[in-house]
Protein backbone atom coordinates (compact mmCIF):
# COMPACT_ATOMS: atom_id res chain seq x y z
CA GLN A 1 0.01 -0.05 -0.10
CA VAL A 2 1.42 3.25 -1.02
CA GLN A 3 1.67 6.07 1.77
CA LEU A 4 1.90 9.71 0.93
CA VAL A 5 3.18 11.98 3.70
CA GLU A 6 3.20 15.56 3.71
CA SER A 7 5.19 18.07 5.68
CA GLY A 8 6.42 21.72 5.75
CA GLY A 9 3.22 23.25 6.72
CA GLY A 10 2.89 25.85 9.82
CA LEU A 11 2.39 29.32 10.64
CA VAL A 12 3.55 32.15 8.40
CA GLN A 13 2.99 35.80 8.05
CA PRO A 14 1.24 37.28 4.93
CA GLY A 15 3.90 37.62 2.34
CA GLY A 16 6.11 35.02 3.64
CA SER A 17 6.92 31.43 2.14
CA LEU A 18 6.72 27.83 2.88
CA ARG A 19 7.77 24.78 1.00
CA LEU A 20 5.62 21.60 1.43
CA SER A 21 6.84 18.17 0.65
CA CYS A 22 4.96 15.06 -0.18
CA ALA A 23 6.91 11.92 0.25
CA ALA A 24 5.89 8.67 -1.12
CA SER A 25 6.68 5.26 0.49
CA GLY A 26 7.46 3.83 -2.99
CA SER A 27 8.18 4.90 -6.60
CA ILE A 28 4.63 5.99 -7.14
CA PHE A 29 5.65 9.27 -8.66
CA ARG A 30 7.55 7.50 -11.40
CA ILE A 31 4.24 6.27 -12.80
CA ALA A 32 1.46 8.65 -11.57
CA SER A 33 0.60 12.27 -11.72
CA VAL A 34 0.81 14.45 -8.75
CA GLY A 35 -1.21 17.24 -7.44
CA TRP A 36 -1.52 19.57 -4.58
CA TYR A 37 -5.08 20.46 -3.36
CA ARG A 38 -6.38 22.32 -0.33
CA GLN A 39 -9.46 22.63 1.76
CA ALA A 40 -10.19 25.71 3.79
CA PRO A 41 -12.89 25.51 6.77
CA GLY A 42 -16.51 25.42 5.30
CA LYS A 43 -14.96 25.08 1.63
CA GLU A 44 -14.80 22.48 -1.03
CA ARG A 45 -11.43 20.79 -1.61
CA GLU A 46 -9.89 22.54 -4.57
CA LEU A 47 -6.74 21.95 -6.82
CA VAL A 48 -3.98 24.12 -6.22
CA ALA A 49 -1.26 22.74 -8.63
CA ARG A 50 -0.64 19.59 -10.57
CA ILE A 51 2.29 18.18 -12.38
CA THR A 52 1.76 15.25 -15.25
CA LEU A 53 4.35 12.46 -15.68
CA GLY A 54 5.64 14.41 -18.69
CA GLY A 55 6.35 17.29 -16.48
CA MET A 56 3.56 19.66 -17.57
CA LYS A 57 2.39 21.90 -14.71
CA ASP A 58 -0.99 23.40 -14.04
CA TYR A 59 -2.07 26.07 -11.41
CA ALA A 60 -5.16 27.58 -9.95
CA ASP A 61 -5.44 31.18 -11.12
CA SER A 62 -5.23 32.16 -7.41
CA VAL A 63 -1.83 30.83 -6.92
CA LYS A 64 -0.25 31.61 -10.57
CA GLY A 65 3.11 33.22 -10.03
CA ARG A 66 3.20 32.57 -6.43
CA PHE A 67 3.20 28.94 -6.12
CA THR A 68 5.53 26.31 -7.85
CA ILE A 69 5.20 22.61 -8.19
CA SER A 70 8.29 20.23 -8.69
CA ARG A 71 9.10 16.44 -8.39
CA ASP A 72 12.13 14.71 -7.72
CA ASN A 73 11.37 11.12 -8.73
CA ALA A 74 14.85 9.86 -7.54
CA GLU A 75 13.75 10.86 -4.06
CA ASN A 76 10.00 10.00 -4.59
CA THR A 77 9.09 13.62 -3.39
CA VAL A 78 6.86 16.19 -4.79
CA TYR A 79 7.21 19.75 -3.39
CA LEU A 80 5.03 22.83 -3.54
CA GLN A 81 7.01 26.02 -3.18
CA MET A 82 4.57 28.86 -1.96
CA ASN A 83 5.53 32.53 -1.94
CA SER A 84 3.72 35.74 -1.07
CA LEU A 85 1.43 33.91 0.97
CA LYS A 86 -1.87 35.50 1.71
CA PRO A 87 -4.35 34.62 4.56
CA GLU A 88 -6.72 33.13 1.92
CA ASP A 89 -4.08 30.79 1.31
CA THR A 90 -5.11 29.06 4.96
CA ALA A 91 -6.05 25.62 4.31
CA VAL A 92 -5.11 21.93 4.90
CA TYR A 93 -3.17 21.03 2.02
CA TYR A 94 -3.24 17.47 0.47
CA CYS A 95 -0.92 15.64 -1.57
CA HIS A 96 -2.63 13.35 -4.59
CA ALA A 97 -1.20 10.98 -6.71
CA TRP A 98 -3.12 9.26 -9.59
CA SER A 99 -2.89 7.22 -12.84
CA GLY A 100 -6.13 6.41 -14.39
CA SER A 101 -4.64 3.88 -16.95
CA ARG A 102 -3.04 1.99 -13.87
CA GLY A 103 -6.05 2.51 -11.57
CA LEU A 104 -4.02 4.45 -8.84
CA ASP A 105 -5.44 7.03 -6.53
CA TYR A 106 -3.70 7.86 -3.42
CA TRP A 107 -4.29 10.88 -0.93
CA GLY A 108 -1.93 12.00 2.02
CA GLN A 109 -3.31 13.03 5.39
CA GLY A 110 -2.68 16.71 4.78
CA THR A 111 -0.81 19.58 6.34
CA GLN A 112 -2.14 22.62 7.75
CA VAL A 113 -1.01 26.01 6.44
CA THR A 114 -1.94 29.10 8.36
CA VAL A 115 -1.23 32.79 7.00
CA SER A 116 -1.91 35.32 9.70
CA SER A 117 -0.12 38.06 11.36
């Protein structure tokens, strides 16, 4: 069973930066696309950024130019660099790995990001 473990969340002031990491227990990232989602209290989970096996990246409009997703297949880790953080970025951030052709669908447990002064 594949496990995804997020880390790097915490409390940061507006304008600050955080880097989230998603570590996989196996080499799942070599065969799956990966995305970061977030869910704020009272809101639905939303896609923040994703990266395909081929390296194509996609971002939510609200984070374009501020967040960067990257992957290190050798280290089985995907990152989300978050800069110029805003209070509205406050949420639990989740890592998701999937492959429709292989029937793979895995979620991490989430990491809390709080942006507040």
